[in-house]
Structures are given as structure tokens and as C-alpha cells.
Amino acid sequence: MKALVTGATGFVGYHVAAKLAERGYAVRALVRDEKAAPWLSRLGIELVKGDIRDFGSVSRAAKGCQEVYHLAADYRLWVPDPARMYETNVAGTVNVMRAAMEAGAGRIVYTSTVGALAPSRKNGQPSDEDTPVSLADMTGHYKRSKFLAEREVEKFVQKGLPAVIVNPSTPIGAKDRKPTPTGAMIVSFLNGKVPAYLDTGLNFVNVLDVAEGHLLAARHGRTGEKYILGGHNMTLKDFYLELSAASGVKAPSVKLPYVPVLIAAYISEGFSRYLAGGKTAPSIPLTGVKMAGKYMFYDSTKAQRELGLPVTPVREAVRQAVEWFAGNGYVNTRKTGAAVCI
């Protein structure tokens, strides 16, 4: 069985590609630079140069593949040029779906995000795949682009494409190389740069469970359906306490008021966009602060029931993340004096 994976150089994409290779798949990864991901070559994964914004390269990569896992996306909380994000996340998704259809792939798994779903209900109850949501509910260009990309995938399903949509929550674990915005938050904490926290909540999940969920979606997912690949709903304060237990770094005890932080984010974004000419990212991303204004709690019961999604303890994922970041040069233990486990 041959499978194409886009986004294999990313955090979740790497783990999906690695699991496929472990299961005996012939894995092909579409990458922009073959030399940029030696860890993929070491797994025996075939690297094909291309870009999801270029239909020709996607079509060549999809040829002969029975399964397609589309994880490539522009995932940033701030972008100086939003059009480029939509070109990647929306137009790029159209290219992959079209190429998969023309190649006759028997199963396509599209990786969206819980950010394209509704946030927690007003009564604090977690949202699920069926909670009503619209484009107006999307905060920031990343969420909007992923919401629109889902609609494009649904159009292809109506044309007969056997695609399934998965919506990972907040993956954490080892090998978050870039790192992702969540990984960057963990790194900042481990380096003693998180003196306070906002009152918000997220659904944290082990990246290995998310990767397994992709393979399970290919096997057991119903065409056209969405599945939340989630784990544990936690407040940000409790998550920092878990990080503290795993690393020895003291958790912040000061809760920041939301409105002053929001104002500071507007100032920070204005400085980056207008005074710095968009060359430097804001120190306080406005989109991130706006997202923190609502709890992002989710119910992954459907994926657990229909796919058999595993949900491992969040403490194990936190430990894996802490050990990997500490062991790969992301943490200055001398500066923080932390007893970070390695």
C-alpha cells in the first residue's frame, strides 16, 4: 500500500508518516526541500519535491498512491501577508483533493483543526462535531482558512471523493521541531519566560494519539464525516502545573486580567505591522489573545467510539514534550536552574 503524506516535515505530519512506515506502507512525502528533513529519509520515506500550491507537483506526487493524508498547512497566529495563508490552506487543499481524485485514491484523510469548529458552549460544556458554527465564529486567518478548506473538501466529497476530515485539538509531545505555537509556549515555560497566565482552557492530546487517529480514520472513518482527535480538557493554569511537575520549573501563580492583555496585543500587533513593516512578529499575538477569550474544550467521544481513538494520560505527553525539548537544545537549564528531566 502506497500513501502520500503532505506536511510530513511538520509536527503531526512527521508522526503520521512515521506510523505509516512502521505499519509497512510505502510512504511518499511531498516536501519543498528534500534536504530539509533527513529524519524522513532515515525512515525510508520517499521524498518528492513540490508544493501544494502547485497542482502539477501535487498530481505527480499523488500518482499511484492508494491513500492520501493531507496535513500541510500554514499554521501561524500572525501573518504579515494573509493572502499567502489562504493560498496554502485553501487553494492548496483544493489542489490535493483534485490530485487525489484524479489519482483514484481509495481514501483521503484531511487534517483540519478544532479551531474550525465551535468553541465551548456558553454554559462551559465542550463542543463536538455537530455544534453549530459559522465563518463569523472564526478568530484569525488561520481558523478562517481552515474553516474554508473544510468546505472545499466537502465539495469534493459530494463529487465522490472518499475523504474523511479529522480535527486535532492541541497536540503535544516529542519532535515538535519548529516548534508549533503550542510547542513554543512550552519552550517559553521551560525557559522561565511565563510569569503569568490567562484564564482560558484547551483540549490537550498526545501527538502519538493524533497520529494513530489519522490511520484509524482511514480504516474506519465514514466518508464525509468529521472526527475530533482530542484528549483532555484543561485550564491553562492546570496545564502549567503539569509542566511544572514534569520539569521542576515553577508554574506561574499570577492570573492576568483579559482586557489589559488584549489592549497590549493590539499595540504589539500595530507596532509589528505598521512600524516594523511586518518584518517581525508581534510579541503578543492578537489572534492568540482573542482565542484565549473563549475556552476551547472539546468532546472526542465520536472518534473514540467510531474509530477507536486512544486517549493516553496528558501527563505522559507532557513528559515526552519536556524531555524532548530539554534534550534537543531548546531549554537553557543553567539560566532557569530547572531540574528538567532528560
Protein backbone atom coordinates (compact mmCIF):
# COMPACT_ATOMS: atom_id res chain seq x y z
CA MET A 1 0.00 0.00 0.00
CA LYS A 2 1.40 3.37 -1.01
CA ALA A 3 0.41 6.55 0.84
CA LEU A 4 1.14 10.20 0.14
CA VAL A 5 1.65 12.48 3.13
CA THR A 6 1.75 16.25 2.77
CA GLY A 7 3.16 18.21 5.68
CA ALA A 8 5.43 15.35 6.77
CA THR A 9 8.12 17.83 7.83
CA GLY A 10 5.70 19.23 10.41
CA PHE A 11 4.93 18.04 13.93
CA VAL A 12 1.83 15.91 13.39
CA GLY A 13 2.73 15.09 9.79
CA TYR A 14 6.03 13.52 10.83
CA HIS A 15 4.32 11.24 13.33
CA VAL A 16 1.67 10.21 10.77
CA ALA A 17 4.37 9.40 8.19
CA ALA A 18 6.41 7.51 10.79
CA LYS A 19 3.43 5.40 11.87
CA LEU A 20 2.59 4.56 8.26
CA ALA A 21 6.17 3.49 7.65
CA GLU A 22 6.13 1.36 10.81
CA ARG A 23 2.98 -0.38 9.55
CA GLY A 24 4.68 -1.37 6.31
CA TYR A 25 3.34 1.32 4.00
CA ALA A 26 5.39 2.66 1.12
CA VAL A 27 5.28 6.30 2.18
CA ARG A 28 5.81 9.22 -0.15
CA ALA A 29 6.20 12.71 1.32
CA LEU A 30 5.69 15.90 -0.64
CA VAL A 31 8.36 18.34 0.58
CA ARG A 32 9.57 21.71 -0.60
CA ASP A 33 13.21 20.81 0.09
CA GLU A 34 14.45 17.20 0.08
CA LYS A 35 17.45 18.16 2.22
CA ALA A 36 15.37 19.82 4.91
CA ALA A 37 14.08 16.62 6.50
CA PRO A 38 16.83 13.99 6.87
CA TRP A 39 14.81 12.30 9.61
CA LEU A 40 12.22 11.30 6.98
CA SER A 41 14.83 9.72 4.74
CA ARG A 42 16.11 7.71 7.68
CA LEU A 43 12.66 6.15 7.96
CA GLY A 44 12.83 5.01 4.34
CA ILE A 45 10.25 7.57 3.23
CA GLU A 46 10.38 8.64 -0.42
CA LEU A 47 10.78 12.41 -0.70
CA VAL A 48 9.21 14.17 -3.66
CA LYS A 49 9.92 17.85 -4.17
CA GLY A 50 6.89 20.02 -4.65
CA ASP A 51 4.46 22.48 -3.13
CA ILE A 52 0.74 22.07 -2.52
CA ARG A 53 0.20 25.44 -4.17
CA ASP A 54 1.49 23.90 -7.40
CA PHE A 55 -1.06 21.43 -8.74
CA GLY A 56 1.40 19.81 -11.13
CA SER A 57 3.79 18.75 -8.37
CA VAL A 58 0.91 17.50 -6.21
CA SER A 59 -0.50 15.49 -9.10
CA ARG A 60 2.85 13.83 -9.74
CA ALA A 61 3.24 13.00 -6.05
CA ALA A 62 -0.27 11.51 -5.76
CA LYS A 63 0.10 9.25 -8.79
CA GLY A 64 0.00 5.60 -7.78
CA CYS A 65 -0.99 6.31 -4.16
CA GLN A 66 -3.93 4.43 -2.70
CA GLU A 67 -4.21 6.73 0.31
CA VAL A 68 -3.57 10.46 0.76
CA TYR A 69 -3.04 12.19 4.11
CA HIS A 70 -3.18 15.95 3.69
CA LEU A 71 -1.60 17.67 6.70
CA ALA A 72 0.36 20.50 5.08
CA ALA A 73 -0.80 23.91 6.27
CA ASP A 74 0.42 27.36 7.16
CA TYR A 75 -0.08 27.36 10.93
CA ARG A 76 0.77 30.72 12.46
CA LEU A 77 -1.09 33.03 14.79
CA TRP A 78 0.20 36.10 12.94
CA VAL A 79 0.98 36.55 9.26
CA PRO A 80 2.16 39.75 7.55
CA ASP A 81 0.52 38.58 4.30
CA PRO A 82 -2.77 36.73 4.97
CA ALA A 83 -3.31 36.04 1.25
CA ARG A 84 -0.40 33.61 1.30
CA MET A 85 -2.00 31.67 4.15
CA TYR A 86 -5.26 31.28 2.20
CA GLU A 87 -3.31 30.28 -0.89
CA THR A 88 -1.69 27.45 1.08
CA ASN A 89 -4.53 26.35 3.33
CA VAL A 90 -7.48 26.74 0.97
CA ALA A 91 -6.19 26.66 -2.62
CA GLY A 92 -3.54 24.12 -1.63
CA THR A 93 -6.21 21.85 -0.18
CA VAL A 94 -8.19 22.07 -3.41
CA ASN A 95 -5.07 21.00 -5.31
CA VAL A 96 -4.53 17.98 -3.07
CA MET A 97 -8.17 16.87 -3.22
CA ARG A 98 -8.24 17.24 -7.00
CA ALA A 99 -4.97 15.33 -7.38
CA ALA A 100 -6.22 12.56 -5.09
CA MET A 101 -9.43 12.24 -7.10
CA GLU A 102 -7.59 12.11 -10.41
CA ALA A 103 -5.17 9.52 -9.00
CA GLY A 104 -8.09 7.33 -7.92
CA ALA A 105 -7.03 7.21 -4.26
CA GLY A 106 -9.30 4.99 -2.21
CA ARG A 107 -9.11 7.03 0.97
CA ILE A 108 -8.20 10.62 1.77
CA VAL A 109 -7.74 11.98 5.29
CA TYR A 110 -7.82 15.76 5.52
CA THR A 111 -6.32 17.29 8.66
CA SER A 112 -8.29 20.30 9.81
CA THR A 113 -8.31 21.64 13.39
CA VAL A 114 -10.74 22.05 16.26
CA GLY A 115 -10.21 25.74 15.57
CA ALA A 116 -12.55 25.30 12.60
CA LEU A 117 -15.26 24.07 14.98
CA ALA A 118 -17.26 26.00 17.55
CA PRO A 119 -15.55 26.97 20.81
CA SER A 120 -17.01 25.74 24.09
CA ARG A 121 -20.68 26.44 24.63
CA LYS A 122 -21.67 29.39 26.82
CA ASN A 123 -22.51 27.04 29.68
CA GLY A 124 -18.94 25.73 29.61
CA GLN A 125 -19.82 22.39 28.04
CA PRO A 126 -17.38 21.02 25.44
CA SER A 127 -18.29 21.37 21.78
CA ASP A 128 -18.39 18.47 19.36
CA GLU A 129 -18.50 17.91 15.62
CA ASP A 130 -22.17 18.91 15.40
CA THR A 131 -22.13 22.11 17.45
CA PRO A 132 -23.40 24.89 15.13
CA VAL A 133 -20.66 27.18 13.83
CA SER A 134 -20.15 29.69 11.03
CA LEU A 135 -17.33 31.61 9.41
CA ALA A 136 -18.20 34.57 11.64
CA ASP A 137 -17.15 32.49 14.65
CA MET A 138 -13.61 32.06 13.35
CA THR A 139 -10.91 34.11 15.09
CA GLY A 140 -7.92 34.96 12.92
CA HIS A 141 -6.84 34.00 9.44
CA TYR A 142 -5.62 30.52 10.35
CA LYS A 143 -9.02 29.43 11.67
CA ARG A 144 -10.84 31.13 8.82
CA SER A 145 -8.65 29.47 6.21
CA LYS A 146 -9.10 26.03 7.76
CA PHE A 147 -12.86 26.53 8.00
CA LEU A 148 -13.00 27.43 4.30
CA ALA A 149 -10.74 24.49 3.42
CA GLU A 150 -13.18 22.12 5.11
CA ARG A 151 -15.96 23.44 2.89
CA GLU A 152 -13.79 22.71 -0.17
CA VAL A 153 -13.19 19.13 0.99
CA GLU A 154 -16.94 18.70 1.47
CA LYS A 155 -17.49 19.81 -2.15
CA PHE A 156 -15.15 17.06 -3.33
CA VAL A 157 -16.96 14.51 -1.16
CA GLN A 158 -20.16 15.46 -2.96
CA LYS A 159 -18.36 14.66 -6.21
CA GLY A 160 -17.50 11.18 -4.94
CA LEU A 161 -14.11 11.68 -3.24
CA PRO A 162 -13.78 9.21 -0.32
CA ALA A 163 -12.45 11.78 2.13
CA VAL A 164 -12.66 11.96 5.91
CA ILE A 165 -11.95 15.09 7.97
CA VAL A 166 -10.09 14.92 11.27
CA ASN A 167 -9.93 17.82 13.72
CA PRO A 168 -6.95 17.54 16.10
CA SER A 169 -7.15 19.65 19.25
CA THR A 170 -3.84 20.75 20.83
CA PRO A 171 -1.15 18.10 20.18
CA ILE A 172 1.88 17.92 22.45
CA GLY A 173 4.79 15.50 22.63
CA ALA A 174 8.24 14.81 21.21
CA LYS A 175 9.78 16.04 17.94
CA ASP A 176 7.98 19.39 17.71
CA ARG A 177 10.96 20.71 15.79
CA LYS A 178 9.92 24.16 14.52
CA PRO A 179 8.16 24.33 17.09
CA THR A 180 4.40 24.85 16.70
CA PRO A 181 2.78 27.74 18.61
CA THR A 182 1.88 25.26 21.38
CA GLY A 183 5.41 23.91 21.44
CA ALA A 184 6.75 27.46 21.58
CA MET A 185 4.54 28.08 24.61
CA ILE A 186 6.05 25.01 26.32
CA VAL A 187 9.58 26.12 25.45
CA SER A 188 8.91 29.58 26.88
CA PHE A 189 7.65 27.99 30.08
CA LEU A 190 10.69 25.72 30.37
CA ASN A 191 12.96 28.73 29.91
CA GLY A 192 11.26 30.61 32.72
CA LYS A 193 9.58 33.14 30.46
CA VAL A 194 5.97 32.64 31.58
CA PRO A 195 5.46 34.80 34.69
CA ALA A 196 1.65 34.81 34.48
CA TYR A 197 -1.28 33.17 32.72
CA LEU A 198 -4.67 33.96 31.22
CA ASP A 199 -7.87 32.31 32.36
CA THR A 200 -8.52 30.06 29.39
CA GLY A 201 -8.72 26.38 28.60
CA LEU A 202 -7.65 23.98 25.86
CA ASN A 203 -8.01 20.35 24.92
CA PHE A 204 -4.56 18.74 25.07
CA VAL A 205 -3.78 15.46 23.31
CA ASN A 206 -0.72 13.29 22.84
CA VAL A 207 0.61 13.75 19.30
CA LEU A 208 1.01 9.96 19.07
CA ASP A 209 -2.73 9.57 19.68
CA VAL A 210 -3.40 12.14 16.96
CA ALA A 211 -1.18 10.27 14.51
CA GLU A 212 -2.89 6.99 15.34
CA GLY A 213 -6.22 8.73 14.87
CA HIS A 214 -5.30 9.54 11.27
CA LEU A 215 -4.65 5.89 10.47
CA LEU A 216 -7.84 4.86 12.27
CA ALA A 217 -9.81 7.45 10.31
CA ALA A 218 -8.52 5.93 7.06
CA ARG A 219 -9.62 2.48 8.20
CA HIS A 220 -12.88 3.15 9.98
CA GLY A 221 -13.97 6.73 9.25
CA ARG A 222 -17.18 7.36 7.39
CA THR A 223 -16.78 9.34 4.18
CA GLY A 224 -17.65 12.99 4.65
CA GLU A 225 -17.66 12.78 8.44
CA LYS A 226 -15.59 14.83 10.88
CA TYR A 227 -13.78 13.39 13.89
CA ILE A 228 -12.29 15.34 16.77
CA LEU A 229 -8.90 13.88 17.67
CA GLY A 230 -8.80 15.17 21.21
CA GLY A 231 -7.75 14.20 24.68
CA HIS A 232 -8.14 16.12 27.92
CA ASN A 233 -9.84 19.44 28.63
CA MET A 234 -7.66 21.52 30.95
CA THR A 235 -7.36 25.12 32.04
CA LEU A 236 -4.10 26.79 31.09
CA LYS A 237 -3.28 27.10 34.79
CA ASP A 238 -3.60 23.33 35.29
CA PHE A 239 -1.53 22.66 32.18
CA TYR A 240 1.29 24.80 33.54
CA LEU A 241 1.10 22.83 36.78
CA GLU A 242 1.59 19.62 34.78
CA LEU A 243 4.57 21.17 33.04
CA SER A 244 5.95 22.20 36.41
CA ALA A 245 5.61 18.68 37.80
CA ALA A 246 7.45 17.25 34.80
CA SER A 247 10.23 19.84 34.64
CA GLY A 248 10.79 21.37 38.03
CA VAL A 249 10.13 24.85 36.63
CA LYS A 250 7.84 26.86 38.87
CA ALA A 251 4.35 27.38 37.48
CA PRO A 252 3.03 30.96 37.28
CA SER A 253 0.64 31.95 40.06
CA VAL A 254 -0.45 35.34 38.74
CA LYS A 255 -3.62 35.46 36.64
CA LEU A 256 -3.64 38.31 34.14
CA PRO A 257 -6.80 40.36 33.54
CA TYR A 258 -8.00 39.82 29.98
CA VAL A 259 -8.79 43.38 28.81
CA PRO A 260 -5.35 44.93 29.50
CA VAL A 261 -3.68 41.98 27.75
CA LEU A 262 -5.99 42.45 24.77
CA ILE A 263 -5.09 46.14 24.59
CA ALA A 264 -1.39 45.28 24.78
CA ALA A 265 -1.87 42.79 21.94
CA TYR A 266 -3.44 45.47 19.73
CA ILE A 267 -0.46 47.74 20.42
CA SER A 268 2.03 44.94 19.78
CA GLU A 269 0.37 43.98 16.51
CA GLY A 270 0.18 47.59 15.39
CA PHE A 271 3.89 48.04 16.05
CA SER A 272 4.78 44.91 14.06
CA ARG A 273 2.53 45.70 11.13
CA TYR A 274 2.94 49.44 10.71
CA LEU A 275 6.20 50.46 12.39
CA ALA A 276 8.26 47.34 11.74
CA GLY A 277 6.77 46.85 8.29
CA GLY A 278 5.63 43.32 9.04
CA LYS A 279 9.21 42.08 9.31
CA THR A 280 8.92 40.98 12.94
CA ALA A 281 6.11 39.05 14.61
CA PRO A 282 4.31 40.78 17.49
CA SER A 283 5.50 39.84 20.96
CA ILE A 284 1.84 39.39 21.95
CA PRO A 285 -0.14 37.89 19.03
CA LEU A 286 -3.58 39.49 18.88
CA THR A 287 -5.15 36.34 17.43
CA GLY A 288 -3.77 34.25 20.27
CA VAL A 289 -5.20 36.61 22.88
CA LYS A 290 -8.59 36.70 21.17
CA MET A 291 -8.62 32.91 21.02
CA ALA A 292 -7.85 32.79 24.75
CA GLY A 293 -11.03 34.78 25.37
CA LYS A 294 -13.02 31.56 24.92
CA TYR A 295 -12.44 28.13 26.35
CA MET A 296 -11.56 25.61 23.65
CA PHE A 297 -12.96 22.46 25.28
CA TYR A 298 -13.98 19.58 23.00
CA ASP A 299 -15.63 16.17 23.19
CA SER A 300 -13.84 13.41 21.25
CA THR A 301 -16.40 10.70 22.09
CA LYS A 302 -17.32 10.20 18.44
CA ALA A 303 -13.72 9.43 17.43
CA GLN A 304 -13.27 7.14 20.41
CA ARG A 305 -16.48 5.27 19.62
CA GLU A 306 -16.30 5.02 15.82
CA LEU A 307 -12.54 4.98 15.23
CA GLY A 308 -11.18 3.52 18.44
CA LEU A 309 -9.13 6.67 19.12
CA PRO A 310 -6.73 6.08 22.02
CA VAL A 311 -6.61 8.71 24.77
CA THR A 312 -3.46 8.40 26.85
CA PRO A 313 -2.90 10.43 30.05
CA VAL A 314 -1.86 14.01 29.35
CA ARG A 315 0.93 13.64 31.90
CA GLU A 316 2.72 11.20 29.59
CA ALA A 317 2.52 13.60 26.64
CA VAL A 318 3.81 16.44 28.82
CA ARG A 319 6.73 14.30 29.96
CA GLN A 320 7.61 13.38 26.38
CA ALA A 321 7.50 17.03 25.31
CA VAL A 322 9.61 18.24 28.24
CA GLU A 323 12.24 15.55 27.78
CA TRP A 324 12.49 16.10 24.03
CA PHE A 325 12.77 19.90 24.21
CA ALA A 326 15.29 19.67 27.06
CA GLY A 327 17.33 17.02 25.28
CA ASN A 328 17.49 18.85 21.97
CA GLY A 329 18.80 22.28 22.87
CA TYR A 330 15.57 24.21 23.34
CA VAL A 331 15.96 24.76 27.08
CA ASN A 332 18.65 26.76 28.91
CA THR A 333 18.67 24.81 32.17
CA ARG A 334 21.61 26.82 33.51
CA LYS A 335 19.72 30.05 33.18
CA THR A 336 16.46 28.77 34.71
CA GLY A 337 18.05 26.50 37.27
CA ALA A 338 15.33 23.98 36.45
CA ALA A 339 15.64 20.30 37.21
CA VAL A 340 14.35 19.46 33.74
CA CYS A 341 14.15 15.72 33.22
CA ILE A 342 16.31 14.38 30.38
